[in-house]
């Protein structure tokens, strides 16, 4: 089980590191939005590309920060019975849910998203707006990164659940339902 706990720590560490880096895009979003407002209302200058840029940055925060959010239990959960369950039952729910729902959904997203993204890269797709940003194809690639980041965090959740079921309760979610650090 030592190898499994090392995998959990590695994935958690990666998503923690990556999420903290992605979080800086929020500062970029605010800075670009502020610049758009100042340029428009003070200097009477507008830029479609700058307007798109802060929307794209905002989208990237959500797409690329999803693994980090999953790590910290920040996604919406319908919690009718889960909060009252024992750590072992929570582990079973997390393991079955990850295998039955999360990973298949991410596989479907990747399967159907790949042609969409590949076509965009083939065309080197740009914004549909006159004066818009180039590189829309790269933005669409965030779909695959989203799927990858959430999938590896899902694998870490499944591995954490196996550890809990094997008696390693230090890997059980804490009282606020965030994963314990192992």
N, C-alpha and C. Protein backbone atom coordinates (compact mmCIF):
# COMPACT_ATOMS: atom_id res chain seq x y z
N UNK A 1 0.81 -1.21 0.00
CA UNK A 1 0.00 0.00 0.00
C UNK A 1 0.85 1.26 0.00
N UNK A 2 2.14 1.11 0.26
CA UNK A 2 3.02 2.27 0.26
C UNK A 2 3.11 2.92 -1.11
N UNK A 3 3.10 2.10 -2.15
CA UNK A 3 3.14 2.63 -3.51
C UNK A 3 1.88 3.40 -3.85
N UNK A 4 0.74 2.89 -3.38
CA UNK A 4 -0.53 3.56 -3.63
C UNK A 4 -0.59 4.91 -2.92
N UNK A 5 -0.09 4.94 -1.69
CA UNK A 5 -0.09 6.22 -0.97
C UNK A 5 0.88 7.21 -1.62
N UNK A 6 1.96 6.71 -2.20
CA UNK A 6 2.90 7.59 -2.91
C UNK A 6 2.24 8.18 -4.15
N UNK A 7 1.44 7.37 -4.84
CA UNK A 7 0.70 7.87 -6.03
C UNK A 7 -0.28 8.95 -5.62
N UNK A 8 -1.02 8.71 -4.54
CA UNK A 8 -1.98 9.70 -4.05
C UNK A 8 -1.27 11.01 -3.72
N UNK A 9 -0.15 10.92 -3.00
CA UNK A 9 0.60 12.13 -2.63
C UNK A 9 1.13 12.85 -3.87
N UNK A 10 1.60 12.08 -4.87
CA UNK A 10 2.14 12.70 -6.09
C UNK A 10 1.05 13.43 -6.87
N UNK A 11 -0.10 12.78 -7.03
CA UNK A 11 -1.20 13.42 -7.78
C UNK A 11 -1.72 14.63 -7.01
N UNK A 12 -1.93 14.48 -5.71
CA UNK A 12 -2.39 15.61 -4.91
C UNK A 12 -1.40 16.77 -4.97
N UNK A 13 -0.13 16.44 -4.87
CA UNK A 13 0.90 17.48 -4.95
C UNK A 13 0.92 18.18 -6.28
N UNK A 14 0.79 17.40 -7.36
CA UNK A 14 0.77 18.01 -8.69
C UNK A 14 -0.42 18.93 -8.85
N UNK A 15 -1.63 18.46 -8.50
CA UNK A 15 -2.82 19.31 -8.67
C UNK A 15 -2.79 20.51 -7.74
N UNK A 16 -2.18 20.37 -6.57
CA UNK A 16 -2.01 21.52 -5.67
C UNK A 16 -1.11 22.56 -6.33
N UNK A 17 0.03 22.12 -6.83
CA UNK A 17 1.00 23.01 -7.49
C UNK A 17 0.38 23.66 -8.74
N UNK A 18 -0.23 22.83 -9.59
CA UNK A 18 -0.80 23.33 -10.83
C UNK A 18 -1.95 24.31 -10.55
N UNK A 19 -2.79 23.98 -9.58
CA UNK A 19 -3.91 24.86 -9.23
C UNK A 19 -3.45 26.21 -8.72
N UNK A 20 -2.38 26.22 -7.95
CA UNK A 20 -1.85 27.50 -7.44
C UNK A 20 -1.28 28.35 -8.58
N UNK A 21 -0.69 27.72 -9.55
CA UNK A 21 -0.19 28.47 -10.71
C UNK A 21 -1.36 29.03 -11.52
N UNK A 22 -2.35 28.19 -11.78
CA UNK A 22 -3.52 28.62 -12.55
C UNK A 22 -4.26 29.75 -11.85
N UNK A 23 -4.26 29.74 -10.53
CA UNK A 23 -4.95 30.79 -9.77
C UNK A 23 -4.43 32.18 -10.13
N UNK A 24 -3.18 32.28 -10.54
CA UNK A 24 -2.63 33.58 -10.92
C UNK A 24 -3.33 34.15 -12.16
N UNK A 25 -3.98 33.29 -12.94
CA UNK A 25 -4.73 33.81 -14.09
C UNK A 25 -5.88 34.71 -13.65
N UNK A 26 -6.36 34.55 -12.42
CA UNK A 26 -7.42 35.44 -11.94
C UNK A 26 -6.91 36.87 -11.83
N UNK A 27 -5.66 37.01 -11.38
CA UNK A 27 -5.05 38.35 -11.34
C UNK A 27 -4.91 38.91 -12.76
N UNK A 28 -4.50 38.06 -13.69
CA UNK A 28 -4.41 38.49 -15.09
C UNK A 28 -5.77 38.89 -15.64
N UNK A 29 -6.79 38.15 -15.27
CA UNK A 29 -8.16 38.47 -15.72
C UNK A 29 -8.57 39.85 -15.24
N UNK A 30 -8.33 40.11 -13.96
CA UNK A 30 -8.70 41.41 -13.39
C UNK A 30 -7.88 42.52 -14.03
N UNK A 31 -6.59 42.30 -14.23
CA UNK A 31 -5.71 43.32 -14.82
C UNK A 31 -6.13 43.65 -16.25
N UNK A 32 -6.42 42.62 -17.04
CA UNK A 32 -6.82 42.86 -18.43
C UNK A 32 -8.19 43.54 -18.48
N UNK A 33 -9.11 43.09 -17.63
CA UNK A 33 -10.44 43.72 -17.59
C UNK A 33 -10.33 45.19 -17.19
N UNK A 34 -9.50 45.47 -16.19
CA UNK A 34 -9.27 46.85 -15.76
C UNK A 34 -8.69 47.67 -16.91
N UNK A 35 -7.72 47.11 -17.62
CA UNK A 35 -7.11 47.82 -18.75
C UNK A 35 -8.13 48.10 -19.84
N UNK A 36 -9.01 47.13 -20.10
CA UNK A 36 -10.06 47.33 -21.12
C UNK A 36 -10.94 48.51 -20.72
N UNK A 37 -11.35 48.57 -19.47
CA UNK A 37 -12.22 49.65 -19.00
C UNK A 37 -11.50 50.99 -19.08
N UNK A 38 -10.27 51.05 -18.61
CA UNK A 38 -9.52 52.31 -18.64
C UNK A 38 -9.29 52.76 -20.08
N UNK A 39 -8.86 51.83 -20.93
CA UNK A 39 -8.62 52.20 -22.33
C UNK A 39 -9.90 52.70 -23.00
N UNK A 40 -11.02 52.06 -22.72
CA UNK A 40 -12.26 52.44 -23.37
C UNK A 40 -12.79 53.78 -22.86
N UNK A 41 -12.86 53.95 -21.55
CA UNK A 41 -13.52 55.13 -21.00
C UNK A 41 -12.61 56.32 -20.76
N UNK A 42 -11.32 56.10 -20.65
CA UNK A 42 -10.40 57.21 -20.46
C UNK A 42 -9.77 57.62 -21.79
N UNK A 43 -9.33 56.62 -22.57
CA UNK A 43 -8.62 56.91 -23.81
C UNK A 43 -9.46 56.66 -25.07
N UNK A 44 -10.73 56.27 -24.89
CA UNK A 44 -11.65 55.99 -26.00
C UNK A 44 -11.04 55.05 -27.03
N UNK A 45 -10.41 53.99 -26.50
CA UNK A 45 -9.80 52.97 -27.35
C UNK A 45 -10.36 51.61 -26.93
N UNK A 46 -10.80 50.85 -27.92
CA UNK A 46 -11.34 49.52 -27.63
C UNK A 46 -10.57 48.44 -28.37
N UNK A 47 -10.52 47.27 -27.78
CA UNK A 47 -9.83 46.14 -28.39
C UNK A 47 -10.65 44.87 -28.16
N UNK A 48 -11.14 44.30 -29.26
CA UNK A 48 -11.89 43.05 -29.18
C UNK A 48 -10.99 41.95 -28.61
N UNK A 49 -9.74 41.93 -29.04
CA UNK A 49 -8.82 40.89 -28.56
C UNK A 49 -8.63 40.98 -27.05
N UNK A 50 -8.49 42.17 -26.51
CA UNK A 50 -8.33 42.31 -25.06
C UNK A 50 -9.60 41.88 -24.32
N UNK A 51 -10.76 42.19 -24.90
CA UNK A 51 -12.01 41.77 -24.28
C UNK A 51 -12.11 40.24 -24.26
N UNK A 52 -11.72 39.62 -25.36
CA UNK A 52 -11.74 38.16 -25.42
C UNK A 52 -10.70 37.56 -24.47
N UNK A 53 -9.57 38.23 -24.34
CA UNK A 53 -8.48 37.70 -23.53
C UNK A 53 -8.91 37.49 -22.08
N UNK A 54 -9.61 38.46 -21.50
CA UNK A 54 -9.98 38.26 -20.10
C UNK A 54 -11.09 37.21 -19.96
N UNK A 55 -11.92 37.05 -20.95
CA UNK A 55 -12.91 35.98 -20.92
C UNK A 55 -12.21 34.62 -21.04
N UNK A 56 -11.22 34.54 -21.92
CA UNK A 56 -10.47 33.29 -22.09
C UNK A 56 -9.70 32.94 -20.82
N UNK A 57 -9.08 33.95 -20.19
CA UNK A 57 -8.36 33.70 -18.95
C UNK A 57 -9.31 33.19 -17.87
N UNK A 58 -10.47 33.78 -17.79
CA UNK A 58 -11.47 33.37 -16.81
C UNK A 58 -11.88 31.92 -17.05
N UNK A 59 -12.10 31.57 -18.31
CA UNK A 59 -12.46 30.19 -18.66
C UNK A 59 -11.33 29.22 -18.30
N UNK A 60 -10.10 29.62 -18.54
CA UNK A 60 -8.97 28.76 -18.21
C UNK A 60 -8.86 28.50 -16.72
N UNK A 61 -9.20 29.49 -15.91
CA UNK A 61 -9.16 29.31 -14.46
C UNK A 61 -10.11 28.17 -14.07
N UNK A 62 -11.28 28.16 -14.65
CA UNK A 62 -12.25 27.11 -14.32
C UNK A 62 -11.85 25.76 -14.89
N UNK A 63 -11.40 25.75 -16.13
CA UNK A 63 -11.06 24.48 -16.79
C UNK A 63 -9.80 23.86 -16.18
N UNK A 64 -8.77 24.67 -16.01
CA UNK A 64 -7.49 24.13 -15.54
C UNK A 64 -7.41 24.05 -14.01
N UNK A 65 -8.31 24.72 -13.34
CA UNK A 65 -8.35 24.65 -11.89
C UNK A 65 -9.29 23.58 -11.36
N UNK A 66 -9.91 22.81 -12.24
CA UNK A 66 -10.90 21.81 -11.82
C UNK A 66 -10.28 20.69 -11.00
N UNK A 67 -9.07 20.25 -11.34
CA UNK A 67 -8.41 19.21 -10.56
C UNK A 67 -8.09 19.70 -9.15
N UNK A 68 -7.63 20.92 -9.04
CA UNK A 68 -7.34 21.54 -7.74
C UNK A 68 -8.62 21.64 -6.91
N UNK A 69 -9.69 22.08 -7.55
CA UNK A 69 -10.97 22.21 -6.86
C UNK A 69 -11.47 20.85 -6.38
N UNK A 70 -11.30 19.84 -7.22
CA UNK A 70 -11.68 18.47 -6.86
C UNK A 70 -10.84 17.99 -5.67
N UNK A 71 -9.57 18.27 -5.69
CA UNK A 71 -8.67 17.90 -4.59
C UNK A 71 -9.16 18.46 -3.27
N UNK A 72 -9.65 19.69 -3.29
CA UNK A 72 -10.05 20.37 -2.07
C UNK A 72 -11.55 20.26 -1.78
N UNK A 73 -12.24 19.36 -2.48
CA UNK A 73 -13.65 19.12 -2.21
C UNK A 73 -14.54 20.29 -2.54
N UNK A 74 -14.16 21.07 -3.53
CA UNK A 74 -14.90 22.28 -3.86
C UNK A 74 -15.99 22.12 -4.90
N UNK A 75 -16.16 20.92 -5.46
CA UNK A 75 -17.22 20.72 -6.44
C UNK A 75 -18.53 20.45 -5.73
N UNK A 76 -19.61 20.72 -6.42
CA UNK A 76 -20.94 20.54 -5.84
C UNK A 76 -21.19 19.05 -5.63
N UNK A 77 -21.70 18.74 -4.47
CA UNK A 77 -22.07 17.36 -4.15
C UNK A 77 -23.47 17.40 -3.54
N UNK A 78 -24.35 16.55 -4.02
CA UNK A 78 -25.67 16.42 -3.42
C UNK A 78 -25.47 15.60 -2.15
N UNK A 79 -25.54 16.27 -1.04
CA UNK A 79 -25.17 15.65 0.24
C UNK A 79 -26.40 15.41 1.10
N UNK A 80 -27.09 14.32 0.82
CA UNK A 80 -28.25 13.98 1.63
C UNK A 80 -27.84 12.99 2.71
N UNK A 81 -27.10 11.98 2.32
CA UNK A 81 -26.69 10.93 3.25
C UNK A 81 -25.18 10.90 3.49
N UNK A 82 -24.41 11.40 2.54
CA UNK A 82 -22.96 11.25 2.56
C UNK A 82 -22.32 11.79 3.83
N UNK A 83 -22.76 12.94 4.29
CA UNK A 83 -22.11 13.56 5.45
C UNK A 83 -22.27 12.73 6.72
N UNK A 84 -23.30 11.88 6.77
CA UNK A 84 -23.54 11.05 7.95
C UNK A 84 -22.88 9.68 7.86
N UNK A 85 -22.24 9.39 6.73
CA UNK A 85 -21.65 8.07 6.53
C UNK A 85 -20.33 7.93 7.28
N UNK A 86 -19.98 6.69 7.55
CA UNK A 86 -18.68 6.38 8.15
C UNK A 86 -17.60 6.56 7.08
N UNK A 87 -16.36 6.70 7.49
CA UNK A 87 -15.29 6.82 6.49
C UNK A 87 -15.24 5.66 5.49
N UNK A 88 -15.52 4.44 5.94
CA UNK A 88 -15.52 3.29 5.03
C UNK A 88 -16.64 3.40 4.00
N UNK A 89 -17.81 3.80 4.43
CA UNK A 89 -18.93 3.95 3.47
C UNK A 89 -18.64 5.09 2.49
N UNK A 90 -18.07 6.17 2.99
CA UNK A 90 -17.69 7.26 2.09
C UNK A 90 -16.68 6.77 1.07
N UNK A 91 -15.76 5.93 1.51
CA UNK A 91 -14.75 5.39 0.59
C UNK A 91 -15.41 4.53 -0.49
N UNK A 92 -16.39 3.73 -0.09
CA UNK A 92 -17.10 2.91 -1.08
C UNK A 92 -17.86 3.79 -2.08
N UNK A 93 -18.52 4.81 -1.58
CA UNK A 93 -19.27 5.73 -2.47
C UNK A 93 -18.31 6.43 -3.43
N UNK A 94 -17.19 6.92 -2.90
CA UNK A 94 -16.20 7.61 -3.74
C UNK A 94 -15.61 6.67 -4.78
N UNK A 95 -15.26 5.46 -4.37
CA UNK A 95 -14.67 4.50 -5.30
C UNK A 95 -15.66 4.10 -6.39
N UNK A 96 -16.86 3.75 -6.00
CA UNK A 96 -17.88 3.35 -6.99
C UNK A 96 -18.28 4.52 -7.89
N UNK A 97 -18.41 5.69 -7.32
CA UNK A 97 -18.77 6.87 -8.11
C UNK A 97 -17.70 7.24 -9.12
N UNK A 98 -16.45 7.15 -8.69
CA UNK A 98 -15.34 7.48 -9.58
C UNK A 98 -15.27 6.50 -10.74
N UNK A 99 -15.39 5.21 -10.43
CA UNK A 99 -15.29 4.19 -11.47
C UNK A 99 -16.53 4.17 -12.37
N UNK A 100 -17.71 4.35 -11.78
CA UNK A 100 -18.96 4.22 -12.54
C UNK A 100 -19.36 5.49 -13.28
N UNK A 101 -19.04 6.64 -12.72
CA UNK A 101 -19.54 7.88 -13.30
C UNK A 101 -18.44 8.83 -13.79
N UNK A 102 -17.52 9.17 -12.89
CA UNK A 102 -16.54 10.20 -13.24
C UNK A 102 -15.64 9.79 -14.39
N UNK A 103 -14.94 8.68 -14.25
CA UNK A 103 -13.99 8.28 -15.30
C UNK A 103 -14.66 7.99 -16.64
N UNK A 104 -15.83 7.30 -16.67
CA UNK A 104 -16.50 7.13 -17.97
C UNK A 104 -16.93 8.46 -18.59
N UNK A 105 -17.42 9.39 -17.77
CA UNK A 105 -17.82 10.68 -18.29
C UNK A 105 -16.63 11.42 -18.89
N UNK A 106 -15.50 11.37 -18.23
CA UNK A 106 -14.30 12.02 -18.75
C UNK A 106 -13.80 11.34 -20.02
N UNK A 107 -13.94 10.02 -20.09
CA UNK A 107 -13.57 9.30 -21.32
C UNK A 107 -14.47 9.72 -22.48
N UNK A 108 -15.76 9.87 -22.23
CA UNK A 108 -16.70 10.32 -23.27
C UNK A 108 -16.35 11.74 -23.70
N UNK A 109 -16.08 12.61 -22.74
CA UNK A 109 -15.69 13.99 -23.05
C UNK A 109 -14.45 14.02 -23.94
N UNK A 110 -13.47 13.20 -23.60
CA UNK A 110 -12.23 13.15 -24.38
C UNK A 110 -12.50 12.58 -25.77
N UNK A 111 -13.25 11.50 -25.83
CA UNK A 111 -13.54 10.83 -27.11
C UNK A 111 -14.24 11.78 -28.08
N UNK A 112 -15.26 12.46 -27.62
CA UNK A 112 -16.01 13.36 -28.49
C UNK A 112 -15.36 14.73 -28.62
N UNK A 113 -14.54 15.11 -27.67
CA UNK A 113 -13.85 16.40 -27.74
C UNK A 113 -12.65 16.38 -28.67
N UNK A 114 -11.99 15.23 -28.78
CA UNK A 114 -10.78 15.14 -29.58
C UNK A 114 -10.98 15.60 -31.03
N UNK A 115 -11.99 15.10 -31.77
CA UNK A 115 -12.16 15.57 -33.16
C UNK A 115 -12.41 17.08 -33.24
N UNK A 116 -13.17 17.59 -32.31
CA UNK A 116 -13.48 19.02 -32.22
C UNK A 116 -12.19 19.83 -32.05
N UNK A 117 -11.32 19.38 -31.16
CA UNK A 117 -10.06 20.07 -30.88
C UNK A 117 -9.07 19.87 -32.02
N UNK A 118 -8.99 18.66 -32.53
CA UNK A 118 -8.08 18.36 -33.64
C UNK A 118 -8.42 19.21 -34.87
N UNK A 119 -9.70 19.32 -35.18
CA UNK A 119 -10.13 20.15 -36.32
C UNK A 119 -9.73 21.61 -36.10
N UNK A 120 -9.88 22.08 -34.88
CA UNK A 120 -9.52 23.45 -34.56
C UNK A 120 -8.02 23.67 -34.76
N UNK A 121 -7.19 22.70 -34.33
CA UNK A 121 -5.74 22.80 -34.52
C UNK A 121 -5.38 22.73 -36.01
N UNK A 122 -6.07 21.87 -36.75
CA UNK A 122 -5.80 21.73 -38.18
C UNK A 122 -6.04 23.05 -38.91
N UNK A 123 -7.08 23.74 -38.51
CA UNK A 123 -7.43 25.02 -39.13
C UNK A 123 -6.69 26.21 -38.52
N UNK A 124 -5.96 25.96 -37.43
CA UNK A 124 -5.37 27.04 -36.63
C UNK A 124 -6.43 28.10 -36.36
N UNK A 125 -7.54 27.63 -35.83
CA UNK A 125 -8.73 28.44 -35.63
C UNK A 125 -8.43 29.68 -34.78
N UNK A 126 -8.98 30.77 -35.23
CA UNK A 126 -8.88 32.05 -34.51
C UNK A 126 -10.28 32.46 -34.09
N UNK A 127 -10.37 33.56 -33.40
CA UNK A 127 -11.65 34.09 -32.98
C UNK A 127 -12.53 34.37 -34.20
N UNK A 128 -13.81 34.23 -34.02
CA UNK A 128 -14.75 34.54 -35.09
C UNK A 128 -15.04 36.03 -35.20
N UNK A 129 -14.53 36.82 -34.26
CA UNK A 129 -14.76 38.26 -34.26
C UNK A 129 -13.66 38.98 -35.02
N UNK A 130 -14.04 39.99 -35.77
CA UNK A 130 -13.04 40.82 -36.45
C UNK A 130 -12.20 41.51 -35.38
N UNK A 131 -10.89 41.36 -35.48
CA UNK A 131 -9.99 41.95 -34.49
C UNK A 131 -9.86 41.11 -33.22
N UNK A 132 -10.41 39.90 -33.25
CA UNK A 132 -10.34 39.02 -32.09
C UNK A 132 -8.98 38.35 -31.97
N UNK A 133 -8.82 37.60 -30.91
CA UNK A 133 -7.55 36.93 -30.62
C UNK A 133 -7.30 35.77 -31.57
N UNK A 134 -6.05 35.57 -31.85
CA UNK A 134 -5.62 34.38 -32.57
C UNK A 134 -5.45 33.26 -31.55
N UNK A 135 -5.31 32.06 -31.99
CA UNK A 135 -4.99 30.97 -31.07
C UNK A 135 -6.17 30.36 -30.36
N UNK A 136 -7.36 30.49 -30.93
CA UNK A 136 -8.53 29.87 -30.32
C UNK A 136 -8.35 28.36 -30.21
N UNK A 137 -7.59 27.80 -31.14
CA UNK A 137 -7.31 26.36 -31.14
C UNK A 137 -6.60 25.94 -29.86
N UNK A 138 -5.71 26.76 -29.37
CA UNK A 138 -4.99 26.44 -28.13
C UNK A 138 -5.95 26.51 -26.94
N UNK A 139 -6.85 27.47 -26.98
CA UNK A 139 -7.84 27.61 -25.91
C UNK A 139 -8.72 26.37 -25.83
N UNK A 140 -9.11 25.82 -26.97
CA UNK A 140 -9.95 24.62 -26.98
C UNK A 140 -9.22 23.41 -26.40
N UNK A 141 -7.91 23.44 -26.42
CA UNK A 141 -7.13 22.33 -25.86
C UNK A 141 -7.32 22.21 -24.35
N UNK A 142 -7.81 23.26 -23.73
CA UNK A 142 -8.07 23.22 -22.28
C UNK A 142 -9.10 22.15 -21.95
N UNK A 143 -9.92 21.77 -22.91
CA UNK A 143 -10.91 20.70 -22.69
C UNK A 143 -10.19 19.40 -22.34
N UNK A 144 -9.14 19.09 -23.11
CA UNK A 144 -8.39 17.86 -22.84
C UNK A 144 -7.60 17.96 -21.54
N UNK A 145 -7.06 19.13 -21.26
CA UNK A 145 -6.34 19.32 -20.00
C UNK A 145 -7.28 19.20 -18.80
N UNK A 146 -8.48 19.74 -18.96
CA UNK A 146 -9.50 19.60 -17.92
C UNK A 146 -9.76 18.12 -17.64
N UNK A 147 -10.01 17.36 -18.70
CA UNK A 147 -10.30 15.93 -18.54
C UNK A 147 -9.13 15.21 -17.87
N UNK A 148 -7.91 15.53 -18.28
CA UNK A 148 -6.73 14.89 -17.70
C UNK A 148 -6.57 15.22 -16.22
N UNK A 149 -6.68 16.50 -15.88
CA UNK A 149 -6.48 16.92 -14.49
C UNK A 149 -7.55 16.34 -13.56
N UNK A 150 -8.78 16.32 -14.02
CA UNK A 150 -9.85 15.76 -13.19
C UNK A 150 -9.72 14.24 -13.12
N UNK A 151 -9.32 13.61 -14.23
CA UNK A 151 -9.16 12.15 -14.23
C UNK A 151 -8.06 11.71 -13.27
N UNK A 152 -6.93 12.38 -13.29
CA UNK A 152 -5.87 11.94 -12.37
C UNK A 152 -6.27 12.20 -10.93
N UNK A 153 -7.01 13.29 -10.68
CA UNK A 153 -7.48 13.51 -9.31
C UNK A 153 -8.53 12.48 -8.94
N UNK A 154 -9.34 12.06 -9.90
CA UNK A 154 -10.29 10.97 -9.66
C UNK A 154 -9.59 9.67 -9.33
N UNK A 155 -8.49 9.40 -10.03
CA UNK A 155 -7.69 8.20 -9.72
C UNK A 155 -7.11 8.29 -8.32
N UNK A 156 -6.69 9.49 -7.93
CA UNK A 156 -6.17 9.68 -6.57
C UNK A 156 -7.28 9.44 -5.55
N UNK A 157 -8.49 9.90 -5.85
CA UNK A 157 -9.62 9.67 -4.95
C UNK A 157 -9.93 8.17 -4.85
N UNK A 158 -9.89 7.47 -5.98
CA UNK A 158 -10.12 6.03 -5.97
C UNK A 158 -9.03 5.33 -5.16
N UNK A 159 -7.80 5.73 -5.36
CA UNK A 159 -6.69 5.12 -4.61
C UNK A 159 -6.81 5.43 -3.12
N UNK A 160 -7.19 6.66 -2.80
CA UNK A 160 -7.39 7.05 -1.39
C UNK A 160 -8.49 6.19 -0.78
N UNK A 161 -9.54 5.94 -1.56
CA UNK A 161 -10.65 5.11 -1.08
C UNK A 161 -10.19 3.68 -0.80
N UNK A 162 -9.37 3.14 -1.68
CA UNK A 162 -8.82 1.80 -1.47
C UNK A 162 -7.98 1.77 -0.19
N UNK A 163 -7.21 2.81 0.02
CA UNK A 163 -6.40 2.89 1.24
C UNK A 163 -7.28 2.92 2.49
N UNK A 164 -8.36 3.67 2.45
CA UNK A 164 -9.28 3.73 3.59
C UNK A 164 -9.90 2.36 3.82
N UNK A 165 -10.32 1.72 2.73
CA UNK A 165 -10.93 0.39 2.86
C UNK A 165 -9.93 -0.64 3.39
N UNK A 166 -8.65 -0.39 3.17
CA UNK A 166 -7.60 -1.29 3.68
C UNK A 166 -7.20 -0.93 5.11
N UNK A 167 -7.89 0.04 5.70
CA UNK A 167 -7.63 0.38 7.09
C UNK A 167 -6.81 1.63 7.33
N UNK A 168 -6.40 2.31 6.27
CA UNK A 168 -5.61 3.54 6.42
C UNK A 168 -6.55 4.74 6.56
N UNK A 169 -7.12 4.90 7.74
CA UNK A 169 -8.10 5.95 7.98
C UNK A 169 -7.50 7.35 7.93
N UNK A 170 -6.17 7.45 7.92
CA UNK A 170 -5.54 8.77 7.77
C UNK A 170 -5.78 9.32 6.37
N UNK A 171 -6.25 8.48 5.44
CA UNK A 171 -6.58 8.94 4.09
C UNK A 171 -8.06 9.25 3.94
N UNK A 172 -8.84 9.08 5.00
CA UNK A 172 -10.27 9.37 4.95
C UNK A 172 -10.49 10.87 4.89
N UNK A 173 -11.60 11.29 4.25
CA UNK A 173 -11.90 12.73 4.25
C UNK A 173 -12.05 13.24 5.68
N UNK A 174 -11.59 14.45 5.90
CA UNK A 174 -11.70 15.04 7.23
C UNK A 174 -13.14 15.49 7.46
N UNK A 175 -13.39 16.10 8.60
CA UNK A 175 -14.75 16.50 8.96
C UNK A 175 -15.40 17.42 7.94
N UNK A 176 -14.60 18.26 7.30
CA UNK A 176 -15.18 19.19 6.31
C UNK A 176 -15.15 18.58 4.91
N UNK A 177 -14.97 17.25 4.83
CA UNK A 177 -15.01 16.49 3.57
C UNK A 177 -13.90 16.81 2.61
N UNK A 178 -12.84 17.36 3.09
CA UNK A 178 -11.66 17.55 2.24
C UNK A 178 -10.70 16.42 2.50
N UNK A 179 -10.01 15.98 1.45
CA UNK A 179 -9.10 14.85 1.64
C UNK A 179 -8.03 15.14 2.66
N UNK A 180 -7.76 14.15 3.46
CA UNK A 180 -6.67 14.26 4.43
C UNK A 180 -5.35 14.17 3.69
N UNK A 181 -4.35 14.80 4.23
CA UNK A 181 -3.01 14.72 3.63
C UNK A 181 -2.35 13.46 4.15
N UNK A 182 -1.86 12.63 3.21
CA UNK A 182 -1.26 11.37 3.63
C UNK A 182 0.23 11.37 3.64
